[in-house]
Amino acid sequence: MIRLLALWMGFTSMAGARAYVGSDEEVPSPAREFRAAWVACIYNIDWPSSKGLSARKQQEELTRILDKMASLRMNAVILQVRPQADAVYRSRIEPWSPWLTGTMGRDPGYDPLAYCIQQAHARNIEVHAWFNPFRAVPHKDHRVSPDHISRTHPSIIRNFKVHKWMDPGNSFTRQRALDVIMDVVRRYDVDGVHIDDYFYPYPSVVNGRATPDFPDGRSPAQRRAFVDSFVRTMYSKVKSAKPWLRVGISPFGIWKPGIPRGTTAGVNAYEHLAADSRKWLASGWCDYMSPQLYWRIKGPQSYTLLLDWWRAQGRRPVWPGLATARIKSSEDPGRPASEMINQVRLSRSIGKNYAGHIHWSAKSLMQNRGGVTSALAKSIYTHPALVPPMPWSSKAGLPAPGASATTTRGATLVRWSRVTSASKYVVQARYGSRWDTFAVTHGSRLQVSLRGSPDAVAVRGVNRYGTISKATVLRRR
């Protein structure tokens, strides 16, 4: 059958070339790991590097980030698209973000989210759109446009410390966030939706007491009910519209102080931020959770202890947030790059479900902070990896592609037929006794070149849920 498909596809052997033949060899599953980085726009943390850059310069900077991620064999970017009730994309609901042009509402001359999706997908990188659902203005002195929610709906705005916050207890606030998220879901070819830890704003905590209290007159339990309702509804709406999209949440890394035992924390996310993130994970209201485990392996907030606890709280993947930006920083003086390398290794071995992690943030990788990027390339991201599957969203399979391989001039060209339901293809190769993943390609690309003459190759289709087909296996004649 494979030989017939090869003939049909025009895979003819060249003079002196060595062809491959079909094989029944068992092939291990390809490597699976979520390898991502956050790209924050607010305060120009990651991108763009400053306000008011030209469209061309912004695009160049974003392309450099994606090129770096592709060179590291990373497979996802978490792009902030709604920092403060604004838009890093062309929106009919909210004004353009001031972190692009320096002026809220001013058109940057292109659509950054559409550009990111196009460029990322060409590099086999997923784009997860990151929304801040309730923050209105990070500082009360920041100028906003006349159509910003703080001016069109002032009754829902609460002043808190230096922030302006949309009251999560107001149904309009929650509906506006849902409308914005679903607008992006319907109009853009994103791969996921992501929200972070800013539900209610962080208070100052003195002797265990939060000051000031959020000015809404409600109890912590009432606030948790509002946030629970939002998270549950958001998940349902996204999955109903596009069930293959991944919904991710990155809460504060400690659910409650003292849990797990021995863990300390100044802020109580459960009480102060109204974040019952353990419930969301246990209830399956997200496809992955990325608690911000920004601490060291050893200490009163042990990364190892916390990751083990989180991965025991539900059946969905827990992909920890890693504070790569704290390498040699004022926040954690003396933190070496090896701390992050060891944390990635632990993320592959602790607990259950598929491996993964997210770097805070892209800037630290671009800077090669403390040599961390070089170390990741050398010893951690040595081969490509598929984003893990979502069997709870779809169990539908897909057919295996027809394939052919020919070695000539010191390289082996592997080709395959298109599979309608495949958005990607993964190519594995065996040199000697070891199978490794060597390429993950976009669905429009139907060939790769491998070094030398592997003893066997395998090709599989991959759909948008991350489900893989059976392998078409070829061995060297």
Protein backbone atom coordinates (compact mmCIF):
# COMPACT_ATOMS: atom_id res chain seq x y z
CA MET A 1 0.00 0.00 0.00
CA ILE A 2 2.80 2.42 0.92
CA ARG A 3 4.60 1.65 -2.36
CA LEU A 4 1.42 2.37 -4.34
CA LEU A 5 0.95 5.67 -2.51
CA ALA A 6 4.54 6.58 -3.22
CA LEU A 7 4.04 5.96 -6.93
CA TRP A 8 0.79 7.92 -6.91
CA MET A 9 2.50 10.88 -5.25
CA GLY A 10 5.35 10.81 -7.73
CA PHE A 11 8.04 9.73 -5.31
CA THR A 12 10.53 8.27 -7.76
CA SER A 13 14.02 7.17 -6.82
CA MET A 14 16.94 9.01 -8.36
CA ALA A 15 19.94 7.20 -9.74
CA GLY A 16 22.22 6.17 -6.91
CA ALA A 17 19.64 7.04 -4.24
CA ARG A 18 18.68 4.67 -1.46
CA ALA A 19 14.92 4.22 -1.02
CA TYR A 20 12.99 3.15 2.09
CA VAL A 21 10.31 0.48 2.30
CA GLY A 22 7.27 0.02 4.50
CA SER A 23 7.73 -1.49 7.95
CA ASP A 24 5.55 -2.85 10.77
CA GLU A 25 8.01 -1.70 13.43
CA GLU A 26 6.46 -0.33 16.62
CA VAL A 27 7.30 3.32 17.17
CA PRO A 28 7.10 5.08 20.56
CA SER A 29 4.83 8.10 20.87
CA PRO A 30 6.49 11.35 19.83
CA ALA A 31 7.82 13.74 22.46
CA ARG A 32 5.11 15.82 24.18
CA GLU A 33 5.72 19.01 26.15
CA PHE A 34 4.14 22.46 26.35
CA ARG A 35 7.05 24.90 25.96
CA ALA A 36 5.85 28.48 26.15
CA ALA A 37 6.71 32.03 27.18
CA TRP A 38 4.54 34.95 28.17
CA VAL A 39 4.85 38.07 26.01
CA ALA A 40 3.61 41.03 28.06
CA CYS A 41 2.69 44.34 26.42
CA ILE A 42 1.82 46.33 29.54
CA TYR A 43 4.62 48.73 30.48
CA ASN A 44 6.37 47.36 27.35
CA ILE A 45 7.77 44.53 29.48
CA ASP A 46 8.42 42.20 26.55
CA TRP A 47 6.98 43.73 23.40
CA PRO A 48 7.02 46.24 21.85
CA SER A 49 10.20 47.48 23.52
CA SER A 50 8.77 51.00 23.77
CA LYS A 51 5.66 52.95 22.87
CA GLY A 52 5.39 54.70 19.52
CA LEU A 53 7.58 52.43 17.40
CA SER A 54 6.63 52.17 13.73
CA ALA A 55 4.60 49.21 12.52
CA ARG A 56 7.67 47.84 10.76
CA LYS A 57 9.81 48.09 13.90
CA GLN A 58 7.12 46.44 16.05
CA GLN A 59 6.85 43.60 13.54
CA GLU A 60 10.62 43.16 13.45
CA GLU A 61 10.77 42.90 17.24
CA LEU A 62 7.95 40.38 17.38
CA THR A 63 9.52 38.33 14.61
CA ARG A 64 12.80 38.20 16.54
CA ILE A 65 10.97 36.83 19.58
CA LEU A 66 9.29 34.15 17.47
CA ASP A 67 12.55 33.30 15.72
CA LYS A 68 14.24 32.82 19.08
CA MET A 69 11.44 30.57 20.29
CA ALA A 70 11.56 28.54 17.08
CA SER A 71 15.33 28.14 17.37
CA LEU A 72 14.81 26.84 20.92
CA ARG A 73 12.19 24.34 19.68
CA MET A 74 9.50 25.97 21.81
CA ASN A 75 5.90 25.54 20.67
CA ALA A 76 3.65 28.23 22.18
CA VAL A 77 3.53 31.94 22.93
CA ILE A 78 1.13 33.57 25.42
CA LEU A 79 0.53 37.03 23.91
CA GLN A 80 -1.10 39.72 26.03
CA VAL A 81 -3.94 41.12 23.92
CA ARG A 82 -6.04 42.96 26.55
CA PRO A 83 -3.82 44.57 29.20
CA GLN A 84 -6.32 47.18 30.50
CA ALA A 85 -9.73 47.07 28.80
CA ASP A 86 -7.95 47.87 25.54
CA ALA A 87 -6.92 45.87 22.48
CA VAL A 88 -3.66 44.70 20.90
CA TYR A 89 -5.74 43.77 17.84
CA ARG A 90 -8.39 45.40 15.67
CA SER A 91 -11.45 45.58 17.93
CA ARG A 92 -14.95 47.01 17.53
CA ILE A 93 -15.47 46.83 21.30
CA GLU A 94 -12.43 48.42 22.95
CA PRO A 95 -9.80 51.02 21.96
CA TRP A 96 -6.30 50.33 20.71
CA SER A 97 -3.80 49.77 23.51
CA PRO A 98 -1.58 52.74 24.37
CA TRP A 99 1.38 50.38 24.83
CA LEU A 100 1.58 50.18 21.04
CA THR A 101 1.50 53.81 19.90
CA GLY A 102 1.71 55.80 23.13
CA THR A 103 -1.89 57.01 22.77
CA MET A 104 -4.92 54.91 23.62
CA GLY A 105 -7.17 54.55 20.59
CA ARG A 106 -4.50 55.32 17.99
CA ASP A 107 -4.29 52.74 15.19
CA PRO A 108 -0.77 51.25 14.93
CA GLY A 109 -1.23 50.72 11.19
CA TYR A 110 -1.56 46.94 11.27
CA ASP A 111 -3.17 44.18 13.34
CA PRO A 112 -0.57 42.85 15.82
CA LEU A 113 -2.53 39.74 16.80
CA ALA A 114 -3.18 38.75 13.17
CA TYR A 115 0.51 39.31 12.40
CA CYS A 116 1.60 37.25 15.40
CA ILE A 117 -0.67 34.36 14.43
CA GLN A 118 0.58 34.36 10.85
CA GLN A 119 4.24 34.43 11.83
CA ALA A 120 3.94 32.03 14.77
CA HIS A 121 2.01 29.39 12.84
CA ALA A 122 4.60 29.52 10.06
CA ARG A 123 7.11 28.53 12.75
CA ASN A 124 4.86 25.80 14.25
CA ILE A 125 4.23 27.90 17.36
CA GLU A 126 0.78 28.14 18.94
CA VAL A 127 -0.65 31.53 19.91
CA HIS A 128 -2.66 31.78 23.12
CA ALA A 129 -4.45 35.12 23.51
CA TRP A 130 -3.92 36.44 27.03
CA PHE A 131 -6.66 38.62 28.53
CA ASN A 132 -6.80 40.63 31.74
CA PRO A 133 -10.53 40.44 32.41
CA PHE A 134 -11.02 43.06 35.15
CA ARG A 135 -8.15 45.58 35.17
CA ALA A 136 -9.24 48.97 33.76
CA VAL A 137 -6.21 51.24 34.27
CA PRO A 138 -2.93 50.18 35.94
CA HIS A 139 -2.34 53.70 37.24
CA LYS A 140 -4.94 56.37 37.87
CA ASP A 141 -2.78 59.04 36.17
CA HIS A 142 -2.67 57.20 32.83
CA ARG A 143 -4.63 58.91 30.08
CA VAL A 144 -7.46 56.99 28.48
CA SER A 145 -9.49 57.57 25.34
CA PRO A 146 -13.11 58.83 25.41
CA ASP A 147 -14.36 55.35 24.47
CA HIS A 148 -12.49 53.55 27.28
CA ILE A 149 -14.73 51.73 29.72
CA SER A 150 -13.61 53.92 32.65
CA ARG A 151 -15.24 56.87 30.87
CA THR A 152 -18.20 55.20 29.16
CA HIS A 153 -19.23 53.17 32.23
CA PRO A 154 -17.79 54.95 35.28
CA SER A 155 -20.32 53.33 37.62
CA ILE A 156 -18.55 49.95 37.40
CA ILE A 157 -15.08 51.39 38.13
CA ARG A 158 -13.56 51.02 41.60
CA ASN A 159 -10.47 52.94 42.67
CA PHE A 160 -8.00 50.72 44.51
CA LYS A 161 -4.54 51.95 45.52
CA VAL A 162 -3.21 53.44 42.24
CA HIS A 163 -5.44 51.25 40.03
CA LYS A 164 -8.81 51.63 38.41
CA TRP A 165 -10.60 48.28 38.46
CA MET A 166 -13.76 47.00 36.82
CA ASP A 167 -15.88 45.59 39.62
CA PRO A 168 -16.10 41.81 39.04
CA GLY A 169 -19.31 41.78 41.08
CA ASN A 170 -21.03 43.84 38.41
CA SER A 171 -22.64 41.68 35.74
CA PHE A 172 -21.70 44.21 33.04
CA THR A 173 -18.01 43.79 33.90
CA ARG A 174 -18.14 40.02 33.52
CA GLN A 175 -20.22 40.19 30.34
CA ARG A 176 -17.86 42.75 28.76
CA ALA A 177 -14.88 40.46 29.44
CA LEU A 178 -16.74 37.50 27.95
CA ASP A 179 -17.78 39.54 24.89
CA VAL A 180 -14.18 40.61 24.29
CA ILE A 181 -12.82 37.08 24.65
CA MET A 182 -15.45 35.57 22.37
CA ASP A 183 -14.92 38.30 19.77
CA VAL A 184 -11.27 37.22 19.50
CA VAL A 185 -12.18 33.52 19.57
CA ARG A 186 -14.58 33.93 16.65
CA ARG A 187 -12.49 36.27 14.48
CA TYR A 188 -8.92 35.06 14.98
CA ASP A 189 -7.22 31.74 14.42
CA VAL A 190 -5.80 31.60 17.95
CA ASP A 191 -4.93 28.28 19.53
CA GLY A 192 -5.88 29.16 23.08
CA VAL A 193 -7.35 31.64 25.54
CA HIS A 194 -5.40 32.57 28.66
CA ILE A 195 -6.16 34.59 31.81
CA ASP A 196 -3.77 35.31 34.65
CA ASP A 197 -3.91 36.03 38.40
CA TYR A 198 -5.52 39.49 38.36
CA PHE A 199 -9.10 38.78 39.41
CA TYR A 200 -9.33 41.19 42.32
CA PRO A 201 -6.26 43.44 42.72
CA TYR A 202 -3.43 42.59 45.08
CA PRO A 203 -3.72 44.36 48.45
CA SER A 204 -0.93 45.32 50.79
CA VAL A 205 -0.74 42.67 53.53
CA VAL A 206 0.32 43.74 57.03
CA ASN A 207 0.36 41.13 59.83
CA GLY A 208 -1.91 38.91 57.75
CA ARG A 209 -4.47 41.65 57.16
CA ALA A 210 -5.14 43.07 53.70
CA THR A 211 -5.28 46.84 53.33
CA PRO A 212 -7.16 48.44 51.84
CA ASP A 213 -10.19 46.23 51.30
CA PHE A 214 -11.66 46.28 47.81
CA PRO A 215 -14.38 48.98 47.91
CA ASP A 216 -17.42 46.94 46.96
CA GLY A 217 -18.96 46.10 50.35
CA ARG A 218 -18.92 42.38 49.57
CA SER A 219 -17.47 39.41 51.42
CA PRO A 220 -14.61 37.24 50.13
CA ALA A 221 -17.08 34.40 49.61
CA GLN A 222 -19.34 36.59 47.47
CA ARG A 223 -16.35 37.70 45.40
CA ARG A 224 -15.24 34.11 44.86
CA ALA A 225 -18.72 33.26 43.61
CA PHE A 226 -18.48 36.04 40.99
CA VAL A 227 -15.08 34.89 39.81
CA ASP A 228 -16.12 31.21 39.81
CA SER A 229 -19.10 32.09 37.64
CA PHE A 230 -16.89 34.00 35.21
CA VAL A 231 -14.31 31.22 34.90
CA ARG A 232 -16.94 28.49 34.43
CA THR A 233 -18.89 30.52 31.86
CA MET A 234 -15.77 31.54 29.95
CA TYR A 235 -14.65 27.93 29.64
CA SER A 236 -18.07 26.79 28.47
CA LYS A 237 -18.42 29.54 25.88
CA VAL A 238 -14.95 29.10 24.39
CA LYS A 239 -15.27 25.33 24.14
CA SER A 240 -18.77 25.59 22.63
CA ALA A 241 -17.51 27.90 19.90
CA LYS A 242 -14.21 26.14 19.13
CA PRO A 243 -13.69 22.98 21.18
CA TRP A 244 -10.10 22.59 19.99
CA LEU A 245 -8.97 25.81 21.67
CA ARG A 246 -7.05 25.44 24.94
CA VAL A 247 -8.22 27.49 27.90
CA GLY A 248 -5.43 28.23 30.35
CA ILE A 249 -5.29 30.01 33.71
CA SER A 250 -2.17 31.16 35.54
CA PRO A 251 -3.13 31.94 39.15
CA PHE A 252 -0.91 32.97 42.04
CA GLY A 253 1.26 29.96 42.84
CA ILE A 254 -0.11 29.23 46.33
CA TRP A 255 -3.81 28.41 46.65
CA LYS A 256 -3.89 29.21 50.37
CA PRO A 257 -1.07 30.00 52.81
CA GLY A 258 0.04 26.85 54.60
CA ILE A 259 -1.13 24.53 51.81
CA PRO A 260 0.74 22.33 51.21
CA ARG A 261 1.96 22.12 54.77
CA GLY A 262 4.99 24.23 55.47
CA THR A 263 4.29 26.71 52.67
CA THR A 264 4.18 30.39 53.59
CA ALA A 265 2.73 33.32 51.67
CA GLY A 266 2.01 36.95 52.44
CA VAL A 267 -0.94 37.22 50.10
CA ASN A 268 -3.91 34.87 50.45
CA ALA A 269 -5.10 34.38 46.86
CA TYR A 270 -8.21 32.50 48.03
CA GLU A 271 -9.34 35.35 50.29
CA HIS A 272 -7.71 38.48 48.86
CA LEU A 273 -7.91 37.78 45.11
CA ALA A 274 -11.12 35.66 45.20
CA ALA A 275 -9.24 32.93 43.33
CA ASP A 276 -10.41 29.40 44.16
CA SER A 277 -8.02 28.06 41.55
CA ARG A 278 -7.97 24.58 43.07
CA LYS A 279 -11.73 24.33 42.38
CA TRP A 280 -11.25 25.38 38.75
CA LEU A 281 -8.63 22.71 38.20
CA ALA A 282 -10.56 19.97 40.00
CA SER A 283 -13.79 20.90 38.19
CA GLY A 284 -12.18 20.86 34.73
CA TRP A 285 -12.92 24.56 34.06
CA CYS A 286 -9.63 24.90 32.19
CA ASP A 287 -7.56 22.78 29.81
CA TYR A 288 -4.33 23.61 31.62
CA MET A 289 -3.37 25.48 34.74
CA SER A 290 -0.10 27.35 35.11
CA PRO A 291 0.32 28.39 38.75
CA GLN A 292 3.03 31.01 39.02
CA LEU A 293 5.66 28.98 40.86
CA TYR A 294 8.23 31.74 40.86
CA TRP A 295 10.20 30.53 43.87
CA ARG A 296 13.29 28.35 44.19
CA ILE A 297 13.34 24.59 44.59
CA LYS A 298 14.41 24.96 48.22
CA GLY A 299 12.80 27.44 50.57
CA PRO A 300 9.55 28.32 52.38
CA GLN A 301 7.73 28.37 49.01
CA SER A 302 9.36 25.25 47.57
CA TYR A 303 8.82 24.90 43.82
CA THR A 304 9.07 21.12 44.16
CA LEU A 305 6.59 20.84 47.02
CA LEU A 306 4.10 23.17 45.33
CA LEU A 307 4.27 21.51 41.92
CA ASP A 308 3.72 18.10 43.48
CA TRP A 309 0.65 19.45 45.34
CA TRP A 310 -0.84 21.18 42.30
CA ARG A 311 -0.50 18.12 40.10
CA ALA A 312 -2.46 16.08 42.63
CA GLN A 313 -5.49 18.42 42.56
CA GLY A 314 -7.09 17.43 39.26
CA ARG A 315 -6.81 15.48 36.04
CA ARG A 316 -5.97 18.36 33.72
CA PRO A 317 -2.33 19.31 33.03
CA VAL A 318 -0.49 21.64 35.39
CA TRP A 319 2.24 23.53 33.53
CA PRO A 320 4.02 25.75 36.05
CA GLY A 321 5.00 29.33 35.42
CA LEU A 322 8.77 29.72 35.85
CA ALA A 323 10.37 33.03 36.89
CA THR A 324 13.21 32.91 34.40
CA ALA A 325 13.32 36.72 34.70
CA ARG A 326 14.55 36.40 38.31
CA ILE A 327 17.91 35.01 37.24
CA LYS A 328 20.51 37.40 38.71
CA SER A 329 17.76 39.89 39.58
CA SER A 330 17.09 42.24 42.48
CA GLU A 331 14.04 40.11 43.30
CA ASP A 332 16.17 37.01 43.87
CA PRO A 333 19.85 37.98 44.07
CA GLY A 334 22.18 35.19 43.09
CA ARG A 335 19.61 33.00 41.35
CA PRO A 336 21.60 31.05 38.73
CA ALA A 337 20.36 29.84 35.37
CA SER A 338 20.82 26.29 36.66
CA GLU A 339 17.86 26.84 39.00
CA MET A 340 15.58 27.18 35.97
CA ILE A 341 17.14 24.23 34.16
CA ASN A 342 16.52 22.06 37.21
CA GLN A 343 12.94 23.33 37.48
CA VAL A 344 12.24 22.35 33.88
CA ARG A 345 13.67 18.89 34.56
CA LEU A 346 11.47 18.55 37.63
CA SER A 347 8.42 19.62 35.62
CA ARG A 348 9.03 16.53 33.49
CA SER A 349 9.12 14.12 36.41
CA ILE A 350 6.83 15.34 39.20
CA GLY A 351 3.24 14.14 39.40
CA LYS A 352 1.07 13.06 36.50
CA ASN A 353 -0.33 14.22 33.16
CA TYR A 354 1.67 15.70 30.33
CA ALA A 355 4.78 17.81 30.90
CA GLY A 356 4.97 21.52 30.24
CA HIS A 357 5.94 24.93 31.60
CA ILE A 358 5.78 28.65 30.75
CA HIS A 359 8.67 31.10 31.10
CA TRP A 360 8.14 34.50 32.64
CA SER A 361 8.95 36.00 30.33
CA ALA A 362 10.12 36.21 26.72
CA LYS A 363 12.49 39.09 27.48
CA SER A 364 14.64 36.94 29.76
CA LEU A 365 15.06 34.37 26.98
CA MET A 366 15.91 37.07 24.46
CA GLN A 367 18.54 38.43 26.86
CA ASN A 368 19.94 34.94 27.53
CA ARG A 369 19.76 35.92 31.20
CA GLY A 370 22.65 34.26 32.99
CA GLY A 371 23.16 31.95 30.01
CA VAL A 372 19.76 30.28 30.48
CA THR A 373 18.82 30.30 26.79
CA SER A 374 22.09 28.64 25.82
CA ALA A 375 21.61 26.01 28.52
CA LEU A 376 18.04 25.28 27.41
CA ALA A 377 19.17 24.82 23.81
CA LYS A 378 22.07 22.58 24.76
CA SER A 379 20.53 20.22 27.30
CA ILE A 380 16.75 20.70 27.61
CA TYR A 381 15.12 21.48 24.26
CA THR A 382 17.27 19.07 22.26
CA HIS A 383 14.43 17.86 20.00
CA PRO A 384 11.05 19.27 18.94
CA ALA A 385 7.98 18.34 20.96
CA LEU A 386 4.27 18.28 20.21
CA VAL A 387 1.89 20.20 22.42
CA PRO A 388 0.09 17.56 24.56
CA PRO A 389 -3.38 16.33 23.50
CA MET A 390 -6.80 17.10 24.99
CA PRO A 391 -8.56 13.72 25.11
CA TRP A 392 -11.35 15.23 27.25
CA SER A 393 -12.27 17.54 24.34
CA SER A 394 -12.11 15.06 21.46
CA LYS A 395 -11.40 11.40 20.91
CA ALA A 396 -11.72 11.57 17.13
CA GLY A 397 -8.84 9.98 15.28
CA LEU A 398 -7.32 10.75 11.90
CA PRO A 399 -5.85 8.57 9.15
CA ALA A 400 -2.15 7.99 8.78
CA PRO A 401 -0.46 9.81 5.87
CA GLY A 402 1.09 7.96 2.99
CA ALA A 403 4.86 8.49 3.01
CA SER A 404 8.12 7.94 1.18
CA ALA A 405 11.79 8.46 2.06
CA THR A 406 14.90 8.56 -0.14
CA THR A 407 18.53 9.10 0.83
CA THR A 408 20.83 10.90 -1.54
CA ARG A 409 23.85 13.16 -1.17
CA GLY A 410 24.14 12.60 2.56
CA ALA A 411 20.56 13.51 3.49
CA THR A 412 17.19 11.75 3.58
CA LEU A 413 14.15 13.44 2.09
CA VAL A 414 10.89 12.38 3.74
CA ARG A 415 7.63 13.20 1.95
CA TRP A 416 4.02 12.44 2.78
CA SER A 417 0.48 12.91 1.54
CA ARG A 418 -1.86 15.53 2.96
CA VAL A 419 -4.37 14.42 5.62
CA THR A 420 -7.47 16.64 5.58
CA SER A 421 -7.92 16.81 9.35
CA ALA A 422 -4.22 17.33 10.13
CA SER A 423 -3.00 20.77 11.20
CA LYS A 424 0.55 19.52 11.75
CA TYR A 425 2.76 16.55 11.02
CA VAL A 426 5.42 15.00 13.21
CA VAL A 427 8.44 13.13 11.88
CA GLN A 428 10.42 10.70 14.01
CA ALA A 429 13.63 8.95 13.09
CA ARG A 430 15.68 6.09 14.45
CA TYR A 431 19.43 6.14 14.24
CA GLY A 432 20.55 2.82 15.71
CA SER A 433 18.17 1.73 18.48
CA ARG A 434 16.85 5.14 19.62
CA TRP A 435 13.77 6.88 18.24
CA ASP A 436 13.64 10.69 18.53
CA THR A 437 11.32 13.42 17.32
CA PHE A 438 13.09 15.37 14.59
CA ALA A 439 10.50 17.66 13.07
CA VAL A 440 7.05 19.14 13.67
CA THR A 441 5.75 20.87 10.55
CA HIS A 442 2.80 23.07 9.66
CA GLY A 443 -0.07 21.32 7.89
CA SER A 444 0.84 22.91 4.57
CA ARG A 445 4.37 21.51 4.61
CA LEU A 446 4.63 17.94 3.29
CA GLN A 447 8.33 17.15 3.42
CA VAL A 448 11.45 17.43 5.57
CA SER A 449 15.11 16.62 5.11
CA LEU A 450 16.90 14.56 7.77
CA ARG A 451 20.63 14.29 8.25
CA GLY A 452 22.39 11.23 6.90
CA SER A 453 20.56 7.97 6.46
CA PRO A 454 18.43 7.01 9.48
CA ASP A 455 17.66 3.34 9.99
CA ALA A 456 13.92 4.09 10.04
CA VAL A 457 11.53 7.04 9.87
CA ALA A 458 7.93 7.51 10.95
CA VAL A 459 5.35 10.14 9.95
CA ARG A 460 2.09 10.97 11.75
CA GLY A 461 -0.64 13.53 11.27
CA VAL A 462 -1.72 15.72 14.21
CA ASN A 463 -5.07 17.51 14.52
CA ARG A 464 -5.85 20.71 16.44
CA TYR A 465 -6.75 18.78 19.58
CA GLY A 466 -3.22 17.35 19.61
CA THR A 467 -4.47 13.87 18.67
CA ILE A 468 -2.01 11.92 16.53
CA SER A 469 -2.62 9.37 13.80
CA LYS A 470 -1.01 5.97 13.62
CA ALA A 471 2.53 6.09 12.35
CA THR A 472 3.47 5.35 8.78
CA VAL A 473 6.83 3.64 9.27
CA LEU A 474 9.57 3.25 6.69
CA ARG A 475 12.84 1.37 7.12
CA ARG A 476 16.04 1.65 5.19
CA ARG A 477 16.20 -0.99 2.48
